Amino acid sequence: MKLVRIYTGDDGRSHFEDVEIDMLERGGGMGCISELWPGDGVMFREVDGNYDLDFHNAPRRQLVVNLTGSVEIEVGDGTVRRLESGSILLAEDVEGQGHISRAVDGQPRECLFIPLD
């Protein structure tokens, strides 16, 4: 399973990294599962289709799971990625310049925030 990570580099800017999550075979038709990621609750978020958040930091280390809609994220070097429904973002840029988040095509978005320890 893959996710997109945003982190703060030595230059104080946010950067993207593609991360592969290690999965363990469960056997007996149970499929694969990762190790437990310790966290502290879940938050639900809805945003309308016209949001455009200038550079900001993640408020904490957290997973952001897009349920509906998409988000366009821009990091400090100008790289832009569009994260669609079903994508997972590991937000770790809690300091430095941060990132920009924008609505896509005027569509609202629903997501889960999962704070991590």
N, C-alpha and C. Protein backbone atom coordinates (compact mmCIF):
# COMPACT_ATOMS: atom_id res chain seq x y z
N MET A 1 0.85 -1.16 0.00
CA MET A 1 0.00 0.00 0.00
C MET A 1 0.90 1.23 0.00
N LYS A 2 0.46 2.27 -0.71
CA LYS A 2 1.27 3.48 -0.82
C LYS A 2 0.56 4.67 -0.21
N LEU A 3 1.37 5.62 0.25
CA LEU A 3 0.84 6.91 0.68
C LEU A 3 1.82 7.99 0.26
N VAL A 4 1.36 9.24 0.32
CA VAL A 4 2.20 10.39 0.01
C VAL A 4 2.56 11.05 1.33
N ARG A 5 3.82 11.34 1.51
CA ARG A 5 4.30 12.00 2.72
C ARG A 5 4.72 13.43 2.38
N ILE A 6 4.37 14.37 3.26
CA ILE A 6 4.90 15.74 3.20
C ILE A 6 5.75 15.92 4.45
N TYR A 7 6.98 16.38 4.26
CA TYR A 7 7.89 16.59 5.39
C TYR A 7 8.67 17.88 5.17
N THR A 8 9.24 18.39 6.24
CA THR A 8 10.08 19.58 6.17
C THR A 8 11.53 19.15 5.98
N GLY A 9 12.15 19.65 4.91
CA GLY A 9 13.54 19.32 4.63
C GLY A 9 14.49 20.24 5.37
N ASP A 10 15.78 19.98 5.21
CA ASP A 10 16.81 20.80 5.85
C ASP A 10 16.76 22.25 5.38
N ASP A 11 16.12 22.49 4.22
CA ASP A 11 16.01 23.84 3.68
C ASP A 11 14.83 24.62 4.25
N GLY A 12 14.07 24.01 5.19
CA GLY A 12 12.92 24.67 5.80
C GLY A 12 11.67 24.64 4.94
N ARG A 13 11.73 23.98 3.79
CA ARG A 13 10.59 23.88 2.89
C ARG A 13 9.97 22.49 2.99
N SER A 14 8.69 22.40 2.63
CA SER A 14 8.02 21.11 2.58
C SER A 14 8.34 20.41 1.26
N HIS A 15 8.40 19.08 1.34
CA HIS A 15 8.70 18.25 0.18
C HIS A 15 7.79 17.03 0.19
N PHE A 16 7.60 16.42 -1.00
CA PHE A 16 6.84 15.18 -1.13
C PHE A 16 7.78 13.99 -1.10
N GLU A 17 7.24 12.87 -0.62
CA GLU A 17 7.93 11.59 -0.70
C GLU A 17 6.86 10.51 -0.86
N ASP A 18 7.06 9.58 -1.78
CA ASP A 18 6.17 8.43 -1.92
C ASP A 18 6.67 7.36 -0.97
N VAL A 19 5.75 6.81 -0.17
CA VAL A 19 6.12 5.84 0.86
C VAL A 19 5.32 4.56 0.64
N GLU A 20 6.02 3.44 0.68
CA GLU A 20 5.38 2.13 0.61
C GLU A 20 5.23 1.60 2.03
N ILE A 21 4.00 1.24 2.41
CA ILE A 21 3.73 0.70 3.75
C ILE A 21 3.98 -0.80 3.72
N ASP A 22 4.79 -1.29 4.64
CA ASP A 22 5.05 -2.73 4.75
C ASP A 22 3.78 -3.44 5.18
N MET A 23 3.46 -4.51 4.47
CA MET A 23 2.26 -5.28 4.77
C MET A 23 2.67 -6.71 5.11
N LEU A 24 1.98 -7.30 6.06
CA LEU A 24 2.26 -8.67 6.49
C LEU A 24 1.11 -9.57 6.06
N GLU A 25 1.43 -10.71 5.47
CA GLU A 25 0.42 -11.68 5.05
C GLU A 25 -0.23 -12.31 6.27
N ARG A 26 -1.56 -12.31 6.29
CA ARG A 26 -2.29 -12.86 7.43
C ARG A 26 -2.64 -14.34 7.24
N GLY A 27 -2.76 -14.78 6.00
CA GLY A 27 -3.11 -16.17 5.73
C GLY A 27 -4.59 -16.44 5.95
N GLY A 28 -5.02 -17.62 5.51
CA GLY A 28 -6.41 -18.03 5.71
C GLY A 28 -7.42 -17.11 5.04
N GLY A 29 -7.02 -16.45 3.97
CA GLY A 29 -7.94 -15.56 3.27
C GLY A 29 -8.10 -14.19 3.92
N MET A 30 -7.31 -13.90 4.94
CA MET A 30 -7.43 -12.64 5.68
C MET A 30 -6.71 -11.49 4.99
N GLY A 31 -5.93 -11.77 3.95
CA GLY A 31 -5.23 -10.72 3.24
C GLY A 31 -3.98 -10.26 3.98
N CYS A 32 -3.62 -8.99 3.76
CA CYS A 32 -2.42 -8.41 4.36
C CYS A 32 -2.81 -7.26 5.28
N ILE A 33 -1.96 -7.01 6.26
CA ILE A 33 -2.21 -5.92 7.20
C ILE A 33 -0.87 -5.33 7.63
N SER A 34 -0.87 -4.04 7.93
CA SER A 34 0.36 -3.38 8.40
C SER A 34 0.49 -3.54 9.91
N GLU A 35 1.65 -3.13 10.40
CA GLU A 35 1.83 -3.00 11.85
C GLU A 35 0.91 -1.88 12.34
N LEU A 36 0.60 -1.86 13.62
CA LEU A 36 -0.23 -0.82 14.21
C LEU A 36 0.52 0.51 14.24
N TRP A 37 -0.11 1.58 13.80
CA TRP A 37 0.43 2.94 13.91
C TRP A 37 -0.28 3.57 15.11
N PRO A 38 0.41 3.84 16.22
CA PRO A 38 -0.24 4.43 17.38
C PRO A 38 -0.78 5.83 17.06
N GLY A 39 -1.99 6.07 17.52
CA GLY A 39 -2.62 7.38 17.29
C GLY A 39 -3.52 7.76 18.43
N ASP A 40 -4.22 8.87 18.22
CA ASP A 40 -5.07 9.40 19.29
C ASP A 40 -6.36 9.94 18.71
N GLY A 41 -7.27 9.06 18.31
CA GLY A 41 -8.58 9.48 17.85
C GLY A 41 -8.65 9.74 16.36
N VAL A 42 -9.80 10.17 15.93
CA VAL A 42 -10.09 10.47 14.54
C VAL A 42 -10.91 11.74 14.48
N MET A 43 -10.62 12.60 13.50
CA MET A 43 -11.43 13.80 13.28
C MET A 43 -12.00 13.73 11.87
N PHE A 44 -13.23 14.20 11.71
CA PHE A 44 -13.89 14.23 10.42
C PHE A 44 -13.88 15.68 9.93
N ARG A 45 -13.65 15.87 8.63
CA ARG A 45 -13.59 17.23 8.10
C ARG A 45 -14.37 17.32 6.79
N GLU A 46 -15.10 18.41 6.63
CA GLU A 46 -15.77 18.75 5.38
C GLU A 46 -15.33 20.15 5.00
N VAL A 47 -14.97 20.35 3.74
CA VAL A 47 -14.64 21.69 3.25
C VAL A 47 -15.41 21.92 1.95
N ASP A 48 -15.78 23.18 1.73
CA ASP A 48 -16.52 23.49 0.51
C ASP A 48 -15.57 23.54 -0.68
N GLY A 49 -16.12 23.75 -1.84
CA GLY A 49 -15.35 23.66 -3.06
C GLY A 49 -14.59 24.90 -3.46
N ASN A 50 -14.51 25.89 -2.57
CA ASN A 50 -13.77 27.11 -2.93
C ASN A 50 -12.63 27.43 -1.97
N TYR A 51 -12.21 26.46 -1.19
CA TYR A 51 -11.13 26.75 -0.25
C TYR A 51 -9.78 26.84 -0.96
N ASP A 52 -8.93 27.69 -0.44
CA ASP A 52 -7.59 27.92 -0.98
C ASP A 52 -6.75 28.39 0.19
N LEU A 53 -6.08 27.46 0.85
CA LEU A 53 -5.30 27.77 2.04
C LEU A 53 -3.85 28.03 1.66
N ASP A 54 -3.40 29.26 1.89
CA ASP A 54 -2.02 29.63 1.59
C ASP A 54 -1.07 28.79 2.45
N PHE A 55 0.22 29.02 2.34
CA PHE A 55 1.19 28.22 3.07
C PHE A 55 0.81 28.08 4.54
N HIS A 56 0.77 26.85 5.01
CA HIS A 56 0.45 26.53 6.40
C HIS A 56 1.12 25.20 6.74
N ASN A 57 1.32 24.99 8.02
CA ASN A 57 1.91 23.75 8.50
C ASN A 57 0.82 22.79 8.93
N ALA A 58 1.13 21.51 8.90
CA ALA A 58 0.25 20.54 9.54
C ALA A 58 0.24 20.85 11.03
N PRO A 59 -0.92 20.82 11.68
CA PRO A 59 -0.99 21.16 13.10
C PRO A 59 -0.36 20.12 14.01
N ARG A 60 -0.16 18.93 13.46
CA ARG A 60 0.42 17.80 14.20
C ARG A 60 0.81 16.76 13.15
N ARG A 61 1.55 15.78 13.53
CA ARG A 61 1.83 14.65 12.65
C ARG A 61 0.52 13.86 12.52
N GLN A 62 0.05 13.67 11.27
CA GLN A 62 -1.25 13.04 11.10
C GLN A 62 -1.40 12.42 9.71
N LEU A 63 -2.29 11.44 9.65
CA LEU A 63 -2.72 10.89 8.37
C LEU A 63 -3.97 11.64 7.94
N VAL A 64 -4.07 11.94 6.65
CA VAL A 64 -5.26 12.55 6.08
C VAL A 64 -5.76 11.61 5.00
N VAL A 65 -6.96 11.07 5.18
CA VAL A 65 -7.54 10.11 4.25
C VAL A 65 -8.68 10.79 3.50
N ASN A 66 -8.52 10.96 2.21
CA ASN A 66 -9.57 11.58 1.39
C ASN A 66 -10.69 10.57 1.17
N LEU A 67 -11.89 10.95 1.58
CA LEU A 67 -13.05 10.08 1.38
C LEU A 67 -13.78 10.44 0.10
N THR A 68 -14.08 11.73 -0.08
CA THR A 68 -14.72 12.22 -1.30
C THR A 68 -14.00 13.47 -1.75
N GLY A 69 -14.04 13.74 -3.04
CA GLY A 69 -13.40 14.92 -3.57
C GLY A 69 -11.89 14.75 -3.67
N SER A 70 -11.23 15.82 -4.09
CA SER A 70 -9.78 15.82 -4.27
C SER A 70 -9.20 17.08 -3.65
N VAL A 71 -7.90 17.07 -3.47
CA VAL A 71 -7.18 18.24 -2.97
C VAL A 71 -5.91 18.40 -3.80
N GLU A 72 -5.58 19.64 -4.08
CA GLU A 72 -4.33 19.95 -4.77
C GLU A 72 -3.39 20.52 -3.71
N ILE A 73 -2.21 19.92 -3.59
CA ILE A 73 -1.24 20.35 -2.60
C ILE A 73 0.03 20.81 -3.30
N GLU A 74 0.52 21.98 -2.88
CA GLU A 74 1.76 22.53 -3.42
C GLU A 74 2.78 22.67 -2.30
N VAL A 75 4.01 22.22 -2.56
CA VAL A 75 5.07 22.32 -1.56
C VAL A 75 6.04 23.44 -1.94
N GLY A 76 7.02 23.67 -1.09
CA GLY A 76 7.91 24.82 -1.19
C GLY A 76 8.68 24.97 -2.48
N ASP A 77 8.99 23.87 -3.17
CA ASP A 77 9.74 23.99 -4.43
C ASP A 77 8.83 24.18 -5.64
N GLY A 78 7.51 24.35 -5.39
CA GLY A 78 6.56 24.58 -6.48
C GLY A 78 5.92 23.32 -7.03
N THR A 79 6.34 22.14 -6.55
CA THR A 79 5.75 20.89 -7.00
C THR A 79 4.30 20.81 -6.51
N VAL A 80 3.41 20.41 -7.40
CA VAL A 80 1.98 20.29 -7.08
C VAL A 80 1.55 18.86 -7.33
N ARG A 81 0.78 18.32 -6.41
CA ARG A 81 0.19 16.99 -6.59
C ARG A 81 -1.30 17.07 -6.28
N ARG A 82 -2.06 16.28 -7.02
CA ARG A 82 -3.49 16.17 -6.78
C ARG A 82 -3.74 14.83 -6.11
N LEU A 83 -4.37 14.87 -4.94
CA LEU A 83 -4.71 13.65 -4.20
C LEU A 83 -6.20 13.42 -4.34
N GLU A 84 -6.56 12.28 -4.90
CA GLU A 84 -7.95 11.94 -5.20
C GLU A 84 -8.60 11.20 -4.04
N SER A 85 -9.90 10.90 -4.20
CA SER A 85 -10.62 10.09 -3.22
C SER A 85 -9.87 8.77 -3.01
N GLY A 86 -9.78 8.36 -1.76
CA GLY A 86 -9.10 7.11 -1.43
C GLY A 86 -7.61 7.27 -1.17
N SER A 87 -7.05 8.44 -1.45
CA SER A 87 -5.62 8.64 -1.21
C SER A 87 -5.35 8.90 0.26
N ILE A 88 -4.11 8.63 0.66
CA ILE A 88 -3.69 8.83 2.05
C ILE A 88 -2.46 9.73 2.05
N LEU A 89 -2.51 10.77 2.88
CA LEU A 89 -1.40 11.71 3.04
C LEU A 89 -0.86 11.58 4.45
N LEU A 90 0.45 11.44 4.59
CA LEU A 90 1.11 11.50 5.89
C LEU A 90 1.68 12.91 6.01
N ALA A 91 1.03 13.75 6.80
CA ALA A 91 1.44 15.15 6.96
C ALA A 91 2.39 15.27 8.14
N GLU A 92 3.65 15.62 7.84
CA GLU A 92 4.66 15.75 8.88
C GLU A 92 5.40 17.08 8.79
N ASP A 93 4.91 18.00 8.00
CA ASP A 93 5.57 19.31 7.87
C ASP A 93 5.02 20.27 8.93
N VAL A 94 5.31 19.96 10.19
CA VAL A 94 4.78 20.72 11.32
C VAL A 94 5.57 21.99 11.60
N GLU A 95 6.66 22.21 10.88
CA GLU A 95 7.44 23.44 11.02
C GLU A 95 7.96 23.83 9.65
N GLY A 96 8.58 24.98 9.55
CA GLY A 96 9.09 25.46 8.26
C GLY A 96 8.01 26.19 7.48
N GLN A 97 8.18 26.26 6.17
CA GLN A 97 7.29 27.04 5.31
C GLN A 97 5.89 26.44 5.20
N GLY A 98 5.77 25.13 5.24
CA GLY A 98 4.47 24.49 5.11
C GLY A 98 4.10 24.23 3.66
N HIS A 99 2.82 24.04 3.42
CA HIS A 99 2.30 23.69 2.10
C HIS A 99 1.01 24.47 1.83
N ILE A 100 0.60 24.49 0.57
CA ILE A 100 -0.64 25.12 0.15
C ILE A 100 -1.65 24.01 -0.14
N SER A 101 -2.91 24.19 0.25
CA SER A 101 -3.98 23.25 -0.07
C SER A 101 -5.08 23.98 -0.82
N ARG A 102 -5.54 23.39 -1.93
CA ARG A 102 -6.57 24.03 -2.76
C ARG A 102 -7.67 23.03 -3.12
N ALA A 103 -8.88 23.53 -3.24
CA ALA A 103 -9.98 22.73 -3.77
C ALA A 103 -9.71 22.43 -5.24
N VAL A 104 -10.32 21.37 -5.74
CA VAL A 104 -10.17 20.96 -7.13
C VAL A 104 -11.52 21.04 -7.83
N ASP A 105 -11.57 21.77 -8.93
CA ASP A 105 -12.76 21.87 -9.78
C ASP A 105 -14.00 22.33 -9.02
N GLY A 106 -13.83 23.13 -7.97
CA GLY A 106 -14.97 23.66 -7.23
C GLY A 106 -15.76 22.62 -6.46
N GLN A 107 -15.17 21.45 -6.24
CA GLN A 107 -15.87 20.36 -5.56
C GLN A 107 -15.56 20.33 -4.07
N PRO A 108 -16.56 20.07 -3.23
CA PRO A 108 -16.30 19.91 -1.79
C PRO A 108 -15.51 18.63 -1.55
N ARG A 109 -14.99 18.51 -0.34
CA ARG A 109 -14.18 17.34 0.01
C ARG A 109 -14.50 16.92 1.43
N GLU A 110 -14.52 15.62 1.65
CA GLU A 110 -14.66 15.04 2.99
C GLU A 110 -13.42 14.18 3.24
N CYS A 111 -12.89 14.29 4.47
CA CYS A 111 -11.69 13.51 4.79
C CYS A 111 -11.66 13.17 6.28
N LEU A 112 -10.79 12.25 6.61
CA LEU A 112 -10.51 11.87 7.99
C LEU A 112 -9.12 12.36 8.35
N PHE A 113 -8.98 12.95 9.53
CA PHE A 113 -7.68 13.27 10.10
C PHE A 113 -7.44 12.26 11.22
N ILE A 114 -6.29 11.59 11.17
CA ILE A 114 -5.94 10.61 12.20
C ILE A 114 -4.63 11.06 12.82
N PRO A 115 -4.68 11.76 13.97
CA PRO A 115 -3.46 12.20 14.65
C PRO A 115 -2.61 11.00 15.06
N LEU A 116 -1.31 11.12 14.85
CA LEU A 116 -0.38 10.04 15.19
C LEU A 116 0.49 10.44 16.37
N ASP A 117 0.89 9.43 17.14
CA ASP A 117 1.79 9.67 18.27
C ASP A 117 3.18 9.95 17.76
